[in-house]
Amino acid sequence: MFFELLAVGAALGASWFGYSTARRFVRERLRYVEAAHTPFAAIAAGVVAALIAMPLTAILPIVGAGTAIAFGLSTALGTRAGASDVKRGYRITDGL
């Protein structure tokens, strides 16, 4: 029971990290890159993130392939959300 909860927590943490990092990166660093705002960019980012996470699932005993897939999906959704933030003009500033 404990290890299952730990695995769910790891999957949720990886998903949150993938989504928030991809969204922030696209919104702040790739604002002026038109190719980053296409649907293909989100799909490519998700596939690459899942492929990078797959070997880690073989090393870590708690997480499995589902965690890598969830990480890839959340990265793709974060990339798409960051692109829509740029299109809407949403910016995070330091308040100055």
N, C-alpha and C. Protein backbone atom coordinates (compact mmCIF):
# COMPACT_ATOMS: atom_id res chain seq x y z
N MET A 1 0.82 -1.19 0.00
CA MET A 1 0.00 0.00 0.00
C MET A 1 0.87 1.26 0.00
N PHE A 2 1.92 1.25 0.79
CA PHE A 2 2.78 2.42 0.87
C PHE A 2 3.49 2.69 -0.46
N PHE A 3 3.96 1.63 -1.11
CA PHE A 3 4.70 1.81 -2.36
C PHE A 3 3.78 2.26 -3.49
N GLU A 4 2.52 1.83 -3.46
CA GLU A 4 1.57 2.29 -4.47
C GLU A 4 1.30 3.78 -4.32
N LEU A 5 1.14 4.22 -3.09
CA LEU A 5 0.93 5.65 -2.85
C LEU A 5 2.16 6.46 -3.23
N LEU A 6 3.32 5.91 -2.97
CA LEU A 6 4.56 6.57 -3.36
C LEU A 6 4.68 6.66 -4.88
N ALA A 7 4.26 5.62 -5.57
CA ALA A 7 4.30 5.62 -7.04
C ALA A 7 3.32 6.64 -7.61
N VAL A 8 2.13 6.74 -7.03
CA VAL A 8 1.15 7.73 -7.48
C VAL A 8 1.68 9.14 -7.22
N GLY A 9 2.29 9.34 -6.07
CA GLY A 9 2.88 10.65 -5.76
C GLY A 9 4.01 11.01 -6.72
N ALA A 10 4.82 10.04 -7.08
CA ALA A 10 5.90 10.28 -8.04
C ALA A 10 5.34 10.62 -9.42
N ALA A 11 4.29 9.93 -9.82
CA ALA A 11 3.67 10.21 -11.12
C ALA A 11 3.04 11.60 -11.14
N LEU A 12 2.36 11.95 -10.07
CA LEU A 12 1.76 13.29 -9.99
C LEU A 12 2.83 14.38 -9.95
N GLY A 13 3.90 14.14 -9.22
CA GLY A 13 4.99 15.11 -9.16
C GLY A 13 5.68 15.28 -10.50
N ALA A 14 5.91 14.18 -11.19
CA ALA A 14 6.53 14.27 -12.51
C ALA A 14 5.62 14.98 -13.50
N SER A 15 4.34 14.72 -13.42
CA SER A 15 3.39 15.39 -14.32
C SER A 15 3.32 16.87 -14.04
N TRP A 16 3.28 17.23 -12.79
CA TRP A 16 3.24 18.66 -12.43
C TRP A 16 4.53 19.35 -12.89
N PHE A 17 5.66 18.71 -12.68
CA PHE A 17 6.93 19.28 -13.09
C PHE A 17 7.00 19.45 -14.61
N GLY A 18 6.58 18.44 -15.35
CA GLY A 18 6.61 18.51 -16.81
C GLY A 18 5.71 19.61 -17.35
N TYR A 19 4.50 19.71 -16.81
CA TYR A 19 3.55 20.72 -17.28
C TYR A 19 4.05 22.13 -16.97
N SER A 20 4.41 22.38 -15.72
CA SER A 20 4.77 23.74 -15.33
C SER A 20 6.08 24.19 -15.98
N THR A 21 7.04 23.29 -16.10
CA THR A 21 8.31 23.66 -16.72
C THR A 21 8.15 23.95 -18.20
N ALA A 22 7.40 23.11 -18.90
CA ALA A 22 7.20 23.33 -20.33
C ALA A 22 6.40 24.61 -20.58
N ARG A 23 5.38 24.85 -19.78
CA ARG A 23 4.57 26.05 -19.95
C ARG A 23 5.41 27.31 -19.74
N ARG A 24 6.17 27.32 -18.67
CA ARG A 24 7.01 28.48 -18.36
C ARG A 24 8.09 28.69 -19.42
N PHE A 25 8.70 27.61 -19.89
CA PHE A 25 9.76 27.72 -20.89
C PHE A 25 9.24 28.28 -22.20
N VAL A 26 8.09 27.80 -22.65
CA VAL A 26 7.53 28.30 -23.90
C VAL A 26 7.09 29.75 -23.74
N ARG A 27 6.48 30.05 -22.61
CA ARG A 27 5.97 31.41 -22.39
C ARG A 27 7.09 32.43 -22.26
N GLU A 28 8.19 32.09 -21.61
CA GLU A 28 9.22 33.07 -21.34
C GLU A 28 10.39 33.02 -22.33
N ARG A 29 10.81 31.84 -22.74
CA ARG A 29 12.00 31.72 -23.58
C ARG A 29 11.68 31.60 -25.08
N LEU A 30 10.58 30.96 -25.39
CA LEU A 30 10.26 30.71 -26.80
C LEU A 30 9.13 31.61 -27.29
N ARG A 31 8.99 32.76 -26.70
CA ARG A 31 7.90 33.67 -27.05
C ARG A 31 7.95 34.08 -28.51
N TYR A 32 9.13 34.34 -29.03
CA TYR A 32 9.27 34.84 -30.39
C TYR A 32 9.60 33.77 -31.42
N VAL A 33 9.57 32.52 -31.03
CA VAL A 33 9.85 31.42 -31.94
C VAL A 33 8.51 30.88 -32.45
N GLU A 34 8.21 31.16 -33.72
CA GLU A 34 6.92 30.77 -34.28
C GLU A 34 6.73 29.26 -34.30
N ALA A 35 7.78 28.51 -34.51
CA ALA A 35 7.66 27.06 -34.58
C ALA A 35 7.23 26.45 -33.25
N ALA A 36 7.49 27.13 -32.15
CA ALA A 36 7.11 26.62 -30.84
C ALA A 36 5.62 26.76 -30.57
N HIS A 37 4.90 27.49 -31.41
CA HIS A 37 3.49 27.73 -31.19
C HIS A 37 2.60 26.87 -32.07
N THR A 38 3.18 25.90 -32.74
CA THR A 38 2.41 25.00 -33.58
C THR A 38 2.01 23.76 -32.78
N PRO A 39 0.94 23.09 -33.19
CA PRO A 39 0.56 21.84 -32.49
C PRO A 39 1.63 20.76 -32.61
N PHE A 40 2.40 20.75 -33.70
CA PHE A 40 3.45 19.75 -33.84
C PHE A 40 4.53 19.92 -32.77
N ALA A 41 4.79 21.14 -32.35
CA ALA A 41 5.80 21.37 -31.32
C ALA A 41 5.38 20.74 -30.00
N ALA A 42 4.11 20.83 -29.68
CA ALA A 42 3.62 20.21 -28.44
C ALA A 42 3.72 18.69 -28.51
N ILE A 43 3.37 18.13 -29.65
CA ILE A 43 3.46 16.67 -29.81
C ILE A 43 4.91 16.22 -29.75
N ALA A 44 5.78 16.94 -30.42
CA ALA A 44 7.20 16.58 -30.42
C ALA A 44 7.79 16.69 -29.01
N ALA A 45 7.43 17.73 -28.28
CA ALA A 45 7.94 17.89 -26.92
C ALA A 45 7.46 16.76 -26.02
N GLY A 46 6.22 16.35 -26.18
CA GLY A 46 5.69 15.25 -25.37
C GLY A 46 6.35 13.92 -25.68
N VAL A 47 6.56 13.65 -26.96
CA VAL A 47 7.19 12.39 -27.34
C VAL A 47 8.64 12.34 -26.86
N VAL A 48 9.35 13.44 -27.04
CA VAL A 48 10.75 13.48 -26.60
C VAL A 48 10.85 13.34 -25.08
N ALA A 49 9.96 14.01 -24.36
CA ALA A 49 9.98 13.92 -22.90
C ALA A 49 9.69 12.49 -22.43
N ALA A 50 8.74 11.83 -23.08
CA ALA A 50 8.42 10.45 -22.71
C ALA A 50 9.58 9.51 -23.04
N LEU A 51 10.22 9.73 -24.18
CA LEU A 51 11.36 8.88 -24.54
C LEU A 51 12.54 9.08 -23.61
N ILE A 52 12.73 10.30 -23.15
CA ILE A 52 13.82 10.55 -22.20
C ILE A 52 13.50 9.95 -20.84
N ALA A 53 12.23 9.95 -20.45
CA ALA A 53 11.85 9.41 -19.14
C ALA A 53 11.80 7.89 -19.11
N MET A 54 11.65 7.24 -20.26
CA MET A 54 11.55 5.78 -20.29
C MET A 54 12.75 5.06 -19.67
N PRO A 55 13.99 5.43 -19.97
CA PRO A 55 15.10 4.72 -19.31
C PRO A 55 15.12 4.91 -17.80
N LEU A 56 14.61 6.04 -17.33
CA LEU A 56 14.56 6.26 -15.89
C LEU A 56 13.58 5.31 -15.21
N THR A 57 12.54 4.91 -15.92
CA THR A 57 11.59 3.97 -15.33
C THR A 57 12.21 2.58 -15.16
N ALA A 58 13.21 2.27 -15.97
CA ALA A 58 13.90 0.99 -15.81
C ALA A 58 14.84 1.01 -14.61
N ILE A 59 15.35 2.18 -14.29
CA ILE A 59 16.29 2.31 -13.17
C ILE A 59 15.56 2.42 -11.83
N LEU A 60 14.51 3.24 -11.79
CA LEU A 60 13.78 3.47 -10.55
C LEU A 60 12.74 2.37 -10.33
N PRO A 61 12.75 1.73 -9.19
CA PRO A 61 11.84 0.60 -8.98
C PRO A 61 10.39 0.99 -8.73
N ILE A 62 10.13 2.22 -8.34
CA ILE A 62 8.77 2.60 -7.94
C ILE A 62 7.93 3.00 -9.15
N VAL A 63 8.51 3.71 -10.08
CA VAL A 63 7.74 4.22 -11.21
C VAL A 63 7.79 3.25 -12.38
N GLY A 64 6.79 3.37 -13.25
CA GLY A 64 6.73 2.48 -14.41
C GLY A 64 6.57 3.27 -15.69
N ALA A 65 6.19 2.57 -16.73
CA ALA A 65 6.03 3.20 -18.04
C ALA A 65 4.88 4.20 -18.03
N GLY A 66 3.87 3.96 -17.22
CA GLY A 66 2.76 4.90 -17.12
C GLY A 66 3.20 6.27 -16.63
N THR A 67 4.16 6.30 -15.75
CA THR A 67 4.68 7.57 -15.27
C THR A 67 5.39 8.32 -16.38
N ALA A 68 6.15 7.62 -17.20
CA ALA A 68 6.83 8.26 -18.33
C ALA A 68 5.83 8.78 -19.34
N ILE A 69 4.76 8.03 -19.57
CA ILE A 69 3.73 8.47 -20.50
C ILE A 69 3.00 9.69 -19.95
N ALA A 70 2.69 9.68 -18.66
CA ALA A 70 2.03 10.83 -18.03
C ALA A 70 2.94 12.06 -18.07
N PHE A 71 4.24 11.85 -17.88
CA PHE A 71 5.19 12.96 -17.97
C PHE A 71 5.23 13.53 -19.37
N GLY A 72 5.24 12.68 -20.39
CA GLY A 72 5.24 13.14 -21.76
C GLY A 72 3.96 13.87 -22.12
N LEU A 73 2.82 13.35 -21.67
CA LEU A 73 1.53 14.00 -21.94
C LEU A 73 1.45 15.35 -21.25
N SER A 74 1.90 15.42 -20.01
CA SER A 74 1.84 16.71 -19.30
C SER A 74 2.80 17.73 -19.91
N THR A 75 3.94 17.26 -20.42
CA THR A 75 4.86 18.17 -21.09
C THR A 75 4.24 18.71 -22.38
N ALA A 76 3.55 17.85 -23.12
CA ALA A 76 2.87 18.31 -24.34
C ALA A 76 1.78 19.31 -24.01
N LEU A 77 1.00 19.04 -22.98
CA LEU A 77 -0.07 19.97 -22.59
C LEU A 77 0.51 21.29 -22.07
N GLY A 78 1.62 21.22 -21.36
CA GLY A 78 2.26 22.45 -20.89
C GLY A 78 2.82 23.28 -22.03
N THR A 79 3.37 22.62 -23.03
CA THR A 79 3.87 23.33 -24.21
C THR A 79 2.73 24.03 -24.92
N ARG A 80 1.62 23.35 -25.06
CA ARG A 80 0.46 23.95 -25.73
C ARG A 80 -0.11 25.10 -24.90
N ALA A 81 -0.15 24.94 -23.58
CA ALA A 81 -0.66 26.01 -22.72
C ALA A 81 0.26 27.23 -22.76
N GLY A 82 1.56 27.01 -22.81
CA GLY A 82 2.50 28.12 -22.93
C GLY A 82 2.33 28.87 -24.23
N ALA A 83 2.07 28.14 -25.31
CA ALA A 83 1.85 28.79 -26.60
C ALA A 83 0.57 29.61 -26.58
N SER A 84 -0.47 29.10 -25.94
CA SER A 84 -1.71 29.88 -25.87
C SER A 84 -1.56 31.07 -24.93
N ASP A 85 -0.71 30.96 -23.91
CA ASP A 85 -0.42 32.12 -23.06
C ASP A 85 0.22 33.24 -23.87
N VAL A 86 1.14 32.87 -24.75
CA VAL A 86 1.81 33.88 -25.58
C VAL A 86 0.80 34.53 -26.52
N LYS A 87 -0.07 33.74 -27.11
CA LYS A 87 -1.07 34.29 -28.04
C LYS A 87 -2.03 35.23 -27.34
N ARG A 88 -2.35 34.94 -26.06
CA ARG A 88 -3.25 35.81 -25.30
C ARG A 88 -2.54 37.00 -24.67
N GLY A 89 -1.22 37.01 -24.70
CA GLY A 89 -0.45 38.09 -24.13
C GLY A 89 -0.23 37.96 -22.63
N TYR A 90 -0.37 36.77 -22.09
CA TYR A 90 -0.18 36.55 -20.66
C TYR A 90 1.29 36.48 -20.34
N ARG A 91 1.73 37.30 -19.38
CA ARG A 91 3.13 37.34 -18.98
C ARG A 91 3.24 37.31 -17.47
N ILE A 92 4.29 36.73 -16.98
CA ILE A 92 4.61 36.76 -15.56
C ILE A 92 5.70 37.79 -15.39
N THR A 93 5.45 38.79 -14.59
CA THR A 93 6.44 39.83 -14.37
C THR A 93 6.82 39.85 -12.90
N ASP A 94 7.85 40.61 -12.60
CA ASP A 94 8.29 40.73 -11.21
C ASP A 94 7.56 41.86 -10.47
N GLY A 95 6.58 42.46 -11.10
CA GLY A 95 5.77 43.46 -10.43
C GLY A 95 6.31 44.88 -10.58
N LEU A 96 7.38 45.07 -11.32
CA LEU A 96 7.93 46.40 -11.49
C LEU A 96 7.36 47.10 -12.69
